[in-house]
N, C-alpha and C. Protein backbone atom coordinates (compact mmCIF):
# COMPACT_ATOMS: atom_id res chain seq x y z
N MET A 1 28.35 54.58 44.11
CA MET A 1 27.61 54.49 42.74
C MET A 1 28.47 53.24 42.22
N ASN A 2 29.81 53.61 42.35
CA ASN A 2 30.79 52.87 41.50
C ASN A 2 30.73 51.24 41.99
N ASN A 3 30.30 51.12 43.29
CA ASN A 3 30.19 49.55 43.75
C ASN A 3 28.83 49.17 43.23
N PHE A 4 27.84 49.84 42.72
CA PHE A 4 27.10 49.01 41.98
C PHE A 4 27.28 49.22 40.67
N MET A 5 28.10 49.69 40.10
CA MET A 5 28.39 49.52 38.39
C MET A 5 28.53 48.20 38.13
N PRO A 6 29.15 47.21 38.52
CA PRO A 6 29.30 45.85 37.99
C PRO A 6 28.09 45.35 38.28
N TYR A 7 27.33 45.35 39.18
CA TYR A 7 25.83 44.57 39.35
C TYR A 7 25.15 45.15 38.20
N LEU A 8 25.02 46.50 37.90
CA LEU A 8 23.90 47.08 37.15
C LEU A 8 24.59 46.46 35.63
N LEU A 9 25.80 46.44 35.36
CA LEU A 9 26.37 46.08 34.34
C LEU A 9 25.88 44.29 33.92
N VAL A 10 25.86 43.86 34.92
CA VAL A 10 25.33 42.24 34.87
C VAL A 10 23.97 42.30 34.54
N VAL A 11 23.19 43.00 35.47
CA VAL A 11 21.50 42.97 35.14
C VAL A 11 21.16 43.73 33.81
N LEU A 12 21.90 44.83 32.97
CA LEU A 12 21.62 45.15 32.06
C LEU A 12 22.10 43.84 30.96
N THR A 13 23.23 43.44 31.11
CA THR A 13 23.60 42.44 30.06
C THR A 13 22.50 40.95 30.15
N THR A 14 22.12 40.79 31.41
CA THR A 14 21.40 39.69 31.62
C THR A 14 19.64 40.02 30.87
N ILE A 15 19.43 41.44 31.01
CA ILE A 15 18.18 41.83 30.31
C ILE A 15 18.40 41.76 28.83
N LEU A 16 19.41 41.97 28.19
CA LEU A 16 19.67 42.17 26.92
C LEU A 16 19.78 40.82 26.35
N PHE A 17 20.38 39.95 27.15
CA PHE A 17 20.33 38.58 26.60
C PHE A 17 19.17 37.80 26.65
N THR A 18 18.17 38.22 27.78
CA THR A 18 16.91 37.77 27.51
C THR A 18 16.10 38.08 26.49
N VAL A 19 15.87 39.50 26.18
CA VAL A 19 15.19 40.10 25.02
C VAL A 19 15.73 39.52 23.75
N SER A 20 16.98 38.99 23.78
CA SER A 20 17.59 38.75 22.38
C SER A 20 17.36 37.12 22.20
N THR A 21 17.24 36.48 23.33
CA THR A 21 16.82 35.06 23.40
C THR A 21 15.34 34.92 22.86
N ILE A 22 14.55 35.60 23.61
CA ILE A 22 13.01 35.59 23.41
C ILE A 22 12.82 36.21 21.86
N ASP A 23 13.71 37.02 21.14
CA ASP A 23 13.37 37.48 20.02
C ASP A 23 13.83 36.54 18.94
N ASN A 24 15.05 35.64 19.64
CA ASN A 24 15.55 34.40 18.55
C ASN A 24 14.50 33.33 18.66
N GLU A 25 13.85 33.05 19.85
CA GLU A 25 12.85 32.15 19.86
C GLU A 25 11.74 32.29 18.79
N LYS A 26 11.13 33.58 18.89
CA LYS A 26 10.07 33.90 17.87
C LYS A 26 10.49 33.85 16.74
N THR A 27 11.77 34.09 16.24
CA THR A 27 12.30 33.93 14.77
C THR A 27 12.29 32.46 14.51
N ILE A 28 12.68 31.49 15.50
CA ILE A 28 12.62 29.98 15.25
C ILE A 28 11.41 29.52 15.19
N LEU A 29 10.43 29.91 15.89
CA LEU A 29 8.86 29.47 15.65
C LEU A 29 8.37 29.97 14.22
N ASP A 30 8.48 31.04 14.13
CA ASP A 30 8.44 31.67 12.63
C ASP A 30 8.80 31.02 11.61
N LEU A 31 10.11 30.69 11.76
CA LEU A 31 10.77 29.67 10.56
C LEU A 31 10.30 28.39 10.57
N GLU A 32 9.75 27.52 11.72
CA GLU A 32 9.38 26.40 11.95
C GLU A 32 7.99 26.51 11.13
N LEU A 33 7.31 27.56 11.23
CA LEU A 33 5.82 27.63 10.53
C LEU A 33 6.02 27.82 9.18
N GLN A 34 7.28 28.52 8.61
CA GLN A 34 7.20 28.44 7.25
C GLN A 34 7.63 27.09 6.67
N LEU A 35 8.46 26.41 7.52
CA LEU A 35 8.87 25.38 7.21
C LEU A 35 7.90 24.22 7.08
N ASN A 36 6.93 24.17 7.88
CA ASN A 36 5.82 23.24 7.60
C ASN A 36 4.91 23.69 6.57
N GLN A 37 4.91 24.94 6.32
CA GLN A 37 4.02 25.54 5.06
C GLN A 37 4.57 24.83 3.89
N GLN A 38 5.72 25.23 4.08
CA GLN A 38 6.54 24.51 2.67
C GLN A 38 6.63 22.97 2.58
N ASN A 39 6.36 22.16 3.62
CA ASN A 39 6.10 20.96 3.57
C ASN A 39 5.03 20.43 3.19
N ASN A 40 3.89 21.13 3.68
CA ASN A 40 2.63 21.10 3.42
C ASN A 40 2.56 21.25 1.62
N MET A 41 3.25 22.20 1.37
CA MET A 41 2.94 22.45 -0.31
C MET A 41 3.81 21.32 -1.08
N ILE A 42 4.72 21.08 -0.60
CA ILE A 42 5.52 20.00 -1.23
C ILE A 42 4.78 18.39 -1.37
N ASP A 43 4.13 18.38 -0.16
CA ASP A 43 3.18 17.01 -0.03
C ASP A 43 2.23 17.25 -0.94
N SER A 44 1.69 18.34 -1.09
CA SER A 44 0.17 18.55 -2.13
C SER A 44 0.82 18.45 -3.48
N LEU A 45 1.88 19.05 -4.06
CA LEU A 45 2.74 18.88 -5.19
C LEU A 45 2.92 17.32 -5.47
N LYS A 46 3.25 16.59 -4.47
CA LYS A 46 3.58 15.15 -4.57
C LYS A 46 2.42 14.40 -5.02
N HIS A 47 1.34 14.75 -4.48
CA HIS A 47 -0.18 14.10 -4.23
C HIS A 47 -0.47 14.42 -5.82
N GLU A 48 -0.27 15.78 -6.11
CA GLU A 48 -0.96 15.96 -7.64
C GLU A 48 0.04 15.12 -8.75
N ILE A 49 1.27 15.08 -8.40
CA ILE A 49 2.22 14.58 -9.43
C ILE A 49 1.61 12.94 -9.48
N ASP A 50 1.42 12.28 -8.24
CA ASP A 50 1.02 11.00 -8.33
C ASP A 50 -0.41 10.64 -8.85
N THR A 51 -1.24 11.79 -8.79
CA THR A 51 -2.64 11.53 -9.34
C THR A 51 -2.25 11.81 -10.83
N LEU A 52 -1.43 12.78 -11.19
CA LEU A 52 -1.25 12.84 -12.67
C LEU A 52 -0.58 11.38 -13.35
N GLN A 53 0.38 10.92 -12.64
CA GLN A 53 1.09 9.40 -13.09
C GLN A 53 -0.17 8.56 -13.20
N TRP A 54 -0.94 8.65 -12.18
CA TRP A 54 -2.02 7.62 -11.84
C TRP A 54 -2.92 7.63 -13.34
N GLU A 55 -3.39 8.89 -13.54
CA GLU A 55 -4.48 9.04 -14.61
C GLU A 55 -3.63 8.47 -15.85
N ASN A 56 -2.34 8.59 -16.06
CA ASN A 56 -1.47 7.97 -16.94
C ASN A 56 -1.51 6.65 -17.22
N GLN A 57 -1.31 6.18 -15.97
CA GLN A 57 -1.20 4.41 -16.00
C GLN A 57 -2.39 3.67 -16.31
N ILE A 58 -3.55 4.43 -15.60
CA ILE A 58 -5.02 3.63 -15.77
C ILE A 58 -5.08 3.02 -17.27
N TRP A 59 -4.51 3.62 -18.02
CA TRP A 59 -4.90 3.28 -19.42
C TRP A 59 -4.32 1.81 -20.04
N ASP A 60 -3.25 1.55 -18.98
CA ASP A 60 -2.59 0.40 -19.70
C ASP A 60 -3.89 -0.87 -19.02
N PHE A 61 -4.79 -0.58 -18.73
CA PHE A 61 -5.71 -1.94 -18.18
C PHE A 61 -6.96 -1.99 -19.05
N ASN A 62 -6.93 -1.25 -20.22
CA ASN A 62 -7.95 -1.32 -21.15
C ASN A 62 -9.17 -1.38 -20.32
N LEU A 63 -9.34 -0.35 -19.77
CA LEU A 63 -10.89 -0.11 -19.11
C LEU A 63 -11.43 1.12 -19.74
N SER A 64 -12.90 0.87 -19.82
CA SER A 64 -13.67 1.87 -20.42
C SER A 64 -13.32 3.31 -19.82
N ASN A 65 -13.75 4.14 -20.48
CA ASN A 65 -13.77 5.63 -20.06
C ASN A 65 -14.27 5.88 -18.94
N ASN A 66 -15.61 5.32 -18.80
CA ASN A 66 -16.42 5.16 -17.51
C ASN A 66 -16.05 4.37 -16.32
N THR A 67 -15.14 3.42 -16.53
CA THR A 67 -14.76 2.69 -15.50
C THR A 67 -13.54 3.44 -15.04
N VAL A 68 -12.69 3.73 -15.77
CA VAL A 68 -11.78 4.57 -15.69
C VAL A 68 -12.01 5.86 -14.30
N HIS A 69 -13.03 6.66 -14.65
CA HIS A 69 -13.60 7.71 -14.03
C HIS A 69 -14.03 7.26 -12.51
N LEU A 70 -14.76 5.94 -12.97
CA LEU A 70 -15.39 5.27 -11.48
C LEU A 70 -14.34 4.69 -10.75
N LEU A 71 -13.51 3.82 -11.15
CA LEU A 71 -12.32 3.78 -10.51
C LEU A 71 -11.42 4.38 -9.83
N SER A 72 -11.08 5.92 -10.44
CA SER A 72 -10.47 6.95 -9.66
C SER A 72 -11.37 7.43 -8.69
N ALA A 73 -12.67 7.47 -8.78
CA ALA A 73 -13.56 7.89 -7.65
C ALA A 73 -13.40 7.04 -6.57
N ILE A 74 -13.59 5.71 -6.63
CA ILE A 74 -13.36 4.77 -5.66
C ILE A 74 -12.01 4.86 -4.79
N ILE A 75 -11.12 4.88 -5.85
CA ILE A 75 -9.83 4.97 -4.92
C ILE A 75 -9.48 6.16 -4.04
N HIS A 76 -10.46 7.44 -4.75
CA HIS A 76 -10.20 8.56 -3.78
C HIS A 76 -10.99 8.33 -2.68
N VAL A 77 -12.06 7.80 -2.75
CA VAL A 77 -12.95 7.39 -1.26
C VAL A 77 -12.31 6.64 -0.63
N GLU A 78 -11.41 5.38 -1.11
CA GLU A 78 -10.89 4.33 -0.47
C GLU A 78 -9.85 4.86 0.40
N SER A 79 -8.86 5.53 -0.31
CA SER A 79 -7.91 5.84 0.23
C SER A 79 -7.11 7.37 -0.08
N SER A 80 -8.13 7.94 -0.77
CA SER A 80 -7.43 9.50 -0.93
C SER A 80 -6.13 9.29 -1.96
N ASN A 81 -6.27 8.46 -2.98
CA ASN A 81 -5.00 7.85 -3.99
C ASN A 81 -3.89 7.60 -3.16
N ASN A 82 -3.95 7.29 -2.12
CA ASN A 82 -2.92 6.65 -1.22
C ASN A 82 -2.37 5.07 -1.35
N ASP A 83 -1.31 4.80 -1.88
CA ASP A 83 -1.11 3.18 -2.27
C ASP A 83 -0.50 2.82 -1.00
N SER A 84 -0.01 3.37 -0.20
CA SER A 84 0.23 2.99 1.25
C SER A 84 -0.77 2.89 2.45
N ALA A 85 -2.04 3.51 2.08
CA ALA A 85 -3.23 3.48 3.04
C ALA A 85 -3.25 1.94 3.84
N TYR A 86 -3.63 2.13 5.01
CA TYR A 86 -3.74 0.94 5.70
C TYR A 86 -4.91 1.02 6.79
N ASN A 87 -5.64 0.08 6.95
CA ASN A 87 -6.63 0.24 7.86
C ASN A 87 -6.50 -0.97 8.78
N PHE A 88 -5.94 -0.79 9.97
CA PHE A 88 -5.76 -1.73 10.78
C PHE A 88 -6.75 -2.67 11.47
N TYR A 89 -8.14 -1.82 11.45
CA TYR A 89 -9.16 -2.58 12.32
C TYR A 89 -9.75 -3.88 11.17
N GLU A 90 -9.43 -3.17 9.85
CA GLU A 90 -10.24 -4.27 8.72
C GLU A 90 -9.04 -5.09 8.05
N ASP A 91 -7.80 -4.61 8.63
CA ASP A 91 -6.71 -4.99 7.56
C ASP A 91 -6.85 -4.92 5.98
N ALA A 92 -7.31 -3.72 5.65
CA ALA A 92 -7.72 -3.50 4.48
C ALA A 92 -6.60 -2.45 3.91
N VAL A 93 -5.81 -2.60 2.85
CA VAL A 93 -4.52 -2.52 2.34
C VAL A 93 -4.77 -1.80 0.90
N GLY A 94 -3.69 -0.72 0.55
CA GLY A 94 -3.71 -0.07 -0.58
C GLY A 94 -4.53 0.83 -0.88
N CYS A 95 -4.19 1.39 -2.17
CA CYS A 95 -5.40 2.47 -2.70
C CYS A 95 -6.93 2.06 -2.93
N LEU A 96 -7.13 0.48 -3.16
CA LEU A 96 -8.37 0.26 -2.81
C LEU A 96 -8.91 -0.65 -1.65
N GLN A 97 -8.11 -0.30 -0.71
CA GLN A 97 -8.27 -0.90 0.48
C GLN A 97 -8.72 -2.35 0.43
N ILE A 98 -8.10 -3.36 0.02
CA ILE A 98 -8.29 -4.48 -0.16
C ILE A 98 -8.14 -5.37 0.95
N ARG A 99 -8.83 -6.11 1.38
CA ARG A 99 -8.80 -7.27 2.34
C ARG A 99 -8.53 -8.39 2.09
N LYS A 100 -8.02 -9.30 3.01
CA LYS A 100 -7.63 -10.68 2.50
C LYS A 100 -8.40 -11.41 2.09
N CYS A 101 -9.82 -11.47 2.43
CA CYS A 101 -10.99 -12.27 1.93
C CYS A 101 -11.03 -11.62 0.41
N MET A 102 -10.97 -10.52 -0.09
CA MET A 102 -11.00 -10.43 -1.21
C MET A 102 -10.01 -10.94 -1.94
N VAL A 103 -8.96 -10.96 -2.00
CA VAL A 103 -7.85 -11.63 -2.24
C VAL A 103 -7.87 -13.15 -2.53
N LYS A 104 -8.44 -13.79 -1.59
CA LYS A 104 -9.19 -15.17 -1.59
C LYS A 104 -10.00 -15.35 -2.77
N ASP A 105 -11.09 -14.55 -2.70
CA ASP A 105 -12.21 -14.80 -3.64
C ASP A 105 -11.78 -14.39 -4.97
N VAL A 106 -10.81 -13.35 -5.37
CA VAL A 106 -10.34 -13.31 -6.52
C VAL A 106 -9.29 -14.44 -6.93
N ASN A 107 -8.42 -15.27 -6.18
CA ASN A 107 -7.83 -16.14 -6.27
C ASN A 107 -8.90 -17.61 -6.91
N ARG A 108 -9.65 -17.69 -6.18
CA ARG A 108 -10.67 -18.78 -6.28
C ARG A 108 -11.49 -18.44 -7.67
N ILE A 109 -11.77 -17.19 -7.90
CA ILE A 109 -12.27 -17.12 -9.29
C ILE A 109 -11.25 -17.23 -10.20
N LEU A 110 -10.00 -16.94 -10.17
CA LEU A 110 -9.12 -17.46 -11.25
C LEU A 110 -8.83 -18.81 -11.16
N LYS A 111 -8.75 -19.50 -10.07
CA LYS A 111 -8.71 -21.01 -10.14
C LYS A 111 -10.02 -21.44 -11.12
N ARG A 112 -11.23 -21.07 -10.80
CA ARG A 112 -12.23 -21.36 -11.72
C ARG A 112 -12.08 -21.44 -12.92
N GLN A 113 -11.55 -20.42 -13.51
CA GLN A 113 -11.40 -19.74 -14.78
C GLN A 113 -10.23 -20.43 -15.25
N LYS A 114 -9.47 -21.43 -14.41
CA LYS A 114 -8.22 -22.31 -14.98
C LYS A 114 -7.00 -21.18 -15.30
N SER A 115 -7.13 -20.18 -14.72
CA SER A 115 -5.90 -19.53 -15.02
C SER A 115 -4.82 -19.43 -13.92
N ASP A 116 -3.49 -19.28 -14.43
CA ASP A 116 -2.57 -19.62 -13.58
C ASP A 116 -1.88 -18.47 -12.50
N LEU A 117 -2.81 -17.48 -12.99
CA LEU A 117 -2.44 -16.00 -12.25
C LEU A 117 -3.05 -15.98 -10.86
N ARG A 118 -2.55 -15.61 -9.84
CA ARG A 118 -2.75 -15.81 -8.35
C ARG A 118 -2.26 -14.21 -7.94
N PHE A 119 -2.80 -13.97 -6.73
CA PHE A 119 -2.23 -12.77 -5.99
C PHE A 119 -2.05 -13.15 -4.94
N SER A 120 -0.95 -12.52 -4.10
CA SER A 120 -0.52 -12.63 -2.71
C SER A 120 -1.36 -11.52 -1.78
N TYR A 121 -1.25 -11.43 -0.55
CA TYR A 121 -1.78 -10.67 0.14
C TYR A 121 -0.93 -9.14 0.13
N ASP A 122 0.37 -9.21 -0.21
CA ASP A 122 1.45 -8.15 -0.30
C ASP A 122 0.87 -7.51 -1.84
N ASP A 123 0.26 -8.04 -2.72
CA ASP A 123 -0.14 -7.32 -3.79
C ASP A 123 -1.38 -6.39 -3.84
N ARG A 124 -1.73 -6.52 -2.55
CA ARG A 124 -2.61 -5.39 -2.11
C ARG A 124 -2.07 -3.84 -2.12
N TRP A 125 -0.46 -3.92 -1.62
CA TRP A 125 -0.16 -2.59 -1.81
C TRP A 125 0.51 -2.19 -2.94
N LEU A 126 0.17 -2.72 -4.13
CA LEU A 126 0.61 -2.40 -5.51
C LEU A 126 -0.59 -1.85 -6.37
N ARG A 127 -0.52 -0.70 -6.78
CA ARG A 127 -1.73 -0.17 -7.30
C ARG A 127 -2.00 -1.17 -8.69
N ASN A 128 -1.41 -1.24 -9.73
CA ASN A 128 -1.72 -2.23 -10.64
C ASN A 128 -2.16 -3.51 -10.30
N ARG A 129 -1.54 -4.16 -9.50
CA ARG A 129 -2.12 -5.47 -8.95
C ARG A 129 -3.62 -5.28 -8.54
N SER A 130 -3.65 -4.25 -7.57
CA SER A 130 -4.93 -3.87 -6.82
C SER A 130 -6.05 -3.68 -8.18
N ILE A 131 -5.59 -3.05 -8.95
CA ILE A 131 -6.70 -2.61 -10.00
C ILE A 131 -7.07 -3.76 -10.87
N LYS A 132 -5.91 -4.72 -11.18
CA LYS A 132 -6.50 -5.92 -11.68
C LYS A 132 -7.29 -7.05 -10.86
N MET A 133 -7.02 -6.86 -9.74
CA MET A 133 -8.00 -7.61 -8.86
C MET A 133 -9.33 -6.99 -9.05
N PHE A 134 -9.53 -5.80 -9.18
CA PHE A 134 -10.81 -4.94 -9.00
C PHE A 134 -11.34 -5.32 -10.18
N ASP A 135 -10.52 -5.41 -11.29
CA ASP A 135 -11.17 -5.74 -12.80
C ASP A 135 -11.90 -7.48 -12.81
N ILE A 136 -11.01 -8.17 -12.48
CA ILE A 136 -11.25 -9.55 -12.18
C ILE A 136 -12.54 -9.83 -11.44
N TYR A 137 -12.77 -8.83 -10.30
CA TYR A 137 -13.85 -9.13 -9.51
C TYR A 137 -15.11 -8.59 -10.10
N CYS A 138 -14.89 -7.42 -10.80
CA CYS A 138 -16.26 -6.74 -11.32
C CYS A 138 -16.43 -7.62 -12.55
N LYS A 139 -15.61 -8.18 -13.20
CA LYS A 139 -16.03 -8.85 -14.50
C LYS A 139 -16.82 -10.32 -14.17
N HIS A 140 -16.09 -10.92 -13.04
CA HIS A 140 -16.74 -12.20 -12.72
C HIS A 140 -18.27 -12.03 -11.95
N TYR A 141 -18.56 -11.11 -11.45
CA TYR A 141 -19.67 -10.75 -10.85
C TYR A 141 -20.61 -10.26 -11.86
N GLY A 142 -20.20 -9.84 -12.95
CA GLY A 142 -21.07 -9.31 -14.11
C GLY A 142 -21.88 -7.52 -13.35
N LEU A 143 -20.73 -7.05 -12.94
CA LEU A 143 -21.35 -5.65 -12.26
C LEU A 143 -20.79 -4.58 -13.37
N THR A 144 -21.67 -3.92 -13.75
CA THR A 144 -21.86 -3.04 -14.95
C THR A 144 -22.15 -1.53 -14.67
N THR A 145 -23.23 -1.35 -13.69
CA THR A 145 -23.46 -0.06 -13.74
C THR A 145 -22.60 0.77 -12.51
N ALA A 146 -22.35 1.98 -12.56
CA ALA A 146 -21.25 2.63 -11.62
C ALA A 146 -22.01 2.30 -10.24
N GLU A 147 -23.12 2.37 -9.76
CA GLU A 147 -23.56 2.33 -8.41
C GLU A 147 -23.27 0.59 -8.05
N GLU A 148 -23.70 -0.14 -9.08
CA GLU A 148 -23.28 -1.58 -8.61
C GLU A 148 -21.94 -1.98 -8.36
N ILE A 149 -21.12 -1.49 -9.26
CA ILE A 149 -19.71 -1.60 -9.09
C ILE A 149 -19.56 -1.21 -7.76
N ALA A 150 -19.59 0.28 -7.49
CA ALA A 150 -19.48 0.68 -6.03
C ALA A 150 -19.77 -0.04 -4.89
N ARG A 151 -21.12 -0.37 -5.11
CA ARG A 151 -21.81 -0.79 -3.76
C ARG A 151 -21.09 -2.11 -3.71
N CYS A 152 -20.81 -2.98 -4.62
CA CYS A 152 -20.59 -4.42 -4.39
C CYS A 152 -18.94 -4.53 -4.08
N TRP A 153 -18.35 -3.39 -4.59
CA TRP A 153 -16.92 -3.37 -4.30
C TRP A 153 -16.92 -3.09 -2.63
N ASN A 154 -17.79 -2.39 -2.22
CA ASN A 154 -17.65 -2.00 -0.66
C ASN A 154 -18.35 -3.17 0.10
N GLY A 155 -19.46 -4.00 -0.36
CA GLY A 155 -20.09 -4.79 0.44
C GLY A 155 -20.09 -5.96 -0.05
N GLY A 156 -19.00 -6.39 -0.99
CA GLY A 156 -19.39 -8.00 -1.41
C GLY A 156 -20.37 -8.03 -2.50
N PRO A 157 -20.16 -9.26 -3.18
CA PRO A 157 -21.02 -9.79 -4.34
C PRO A 157 -22.61 -9.45 -4.38
N THR A 158 -23.22 -9.08 -3.03
CA THR A 158 -24.64 -8.75 -2.63
C THR A 158 -24.76 -7.33 -2.19
N GLY A 159 -23.56 -6.40 -2.52
CA GLY A 159 -23.61 -5.31 -1.73
C GLY A 159 -24.81 -4.35 -2.15
N MET A 160 -25.44 -4.52 -3.19
CA MET A 160 -26.32 -4.00 -3.98
C MET A 160 -27.68 -4.13 -2.74
N ASP A 161 -27.68 -5.23 -2.16
CA ASP A 161 -28.86 -5.35 -1.07
C ASP A 161 -28.88 -4.97 0.19
N LYS A 162 -27.60 -4.51 0.53
CA LYS A 162 -27.01 -4.01 1.61
C LYS A 162 -27.30 -2.34 1.61
N SER A 163 -28.06 -2.36 2.74
CA SER A 163 -28.54 -0.67 3.00
C SER A 163 -27.22 0.07 3.43
N LEU A 164 -25.95 -0.53 4.11
CA LEU A 164 -24.98 0.10 4.35
C LEU A 164 -24.19 0.62 3.36
N THR A 165 -24.26 0.07 2.12
CA THR A 165 -23.57 0.28 0.97
C THR A 165 -23.94 1.76 0.26
N SER A 166 -25.56 2.11 0.49
CA SER A 166 -25.78 3.17 -0.20
C SER A 166 -25.01 4.47 0.23
N ASP A 167 -24.53 4.86 1.54
CA ASP A 167 -23.98 5.74 1.91
C ASP A 167 -22.32 5.63 1.18
N TYR A 168 -22.01 4.57 1.19
CA TYR A 168 -20.57 4.30 0.25
C TYR A 168 -20.77 5.01 -1.27
N TRP A 169 -22.06 4.46 -1.54
CA TRP A 169 -22.60 4.84 -2.97
C TRP A 169 -22.45 6.51 -3.12
N LYS A 170 -23.16 7.07 -2.25
CA LYS A 170 -23.33 8.55 -2.07
C LYS A 170 -22.00 9.22 -2.27
N LYS A 171 -20.91 8.82 -1.20
CA LYS A 171 -19.59 9.20 -1.45
C LYS A 171 -18.70 9.18 -2.78
N VAL A 172 -18.83 7.72 -3.44
CA VAL A 172 -18.46 7.95 -4.59
C VAL A 172 -19.18 8.64 -5.91
N LYS A 173 -20.48 8.75 -5.71
CA LYS A 173 -21.14 9.52 -6.60
C LYS A 173 -20.71 11.11 -6.54
N ASN A 174 -20.52 11.42 -5.42
CA ASN A 174 -20.01 13.11 -4.86
C ASN A 174 -19.00 13.09 -5.60
N GLN A 175 -18.11 12.20 -5.65
CA GLN A 175 -16.62 12.20 -6.15
C GLN A 175 -16.59 12.26 -7.82
N LEU A 176 -17.48 11.55 -8.24
CA LEU A 176 -17.90 11.42 -9.65
C LEU A 176 -18.37 12.82 -10.07
N ASP A 177 -19.23 13.47 -9.37
CA ASP A 177 -19.74 14.68 -9.70
C ASP A 177 -19.00 15.96 -9.63
N SER A 178 -17.91 15.45 -9.12
CA SER A 178 -16.99 16.99 -8.58
C SER A 178 -15.87 16.99 -9.74
C-alpha cells in the first residue's frame, strides 16, 4: 500500500487541480459575460448621450419644429443616429447616409445660387455639414411635406414618383409616430 501512496497523491492532486481549473474557467466565462453586459450598457448610455446632444444641437440650424422631428426620424432610419455609419455598397456616409452624387448636386445648387460655400466628400462624416446639405437640398427642390422630404431624400428629386421610396417613407413615418 505504501508503494501506491505517491501515485495516489499524484492522482488526487491532479483531480483537485482539474476541478479547480474547471471552476476557474467557469468563473472567467461568468466574468466575461458580465463585462459584455456592462459594455452594452455603456454603449447604450453613450448612444443616449449622443442623442441628447444631437437634439440640443439641431436648434442651431433654424429648422422648424416639424422639420427637426422629421430630420431626427430620417437620421434614425438612415444610420441609427451614427455619424460614423458607412454603407460600402452605395458609398453612403454619415448620419444621413450621403452619397457623392448628393454632394455634387448640393455643390451645383450652391454654384447656381452664386454662393461661395462648397462641400467636400469628407463633410458627409460631419453631422452639422450633413444637415446643412440636407437643408440646402430640401429648400432648392421646394420639398415641404414630411412624405415629400423623406421620399425625395431617399430617391432623389423625383422620389415621390418612385414606388421604391414608399417603403422608406413607411419606416420614417413609423419613427415619427413612435
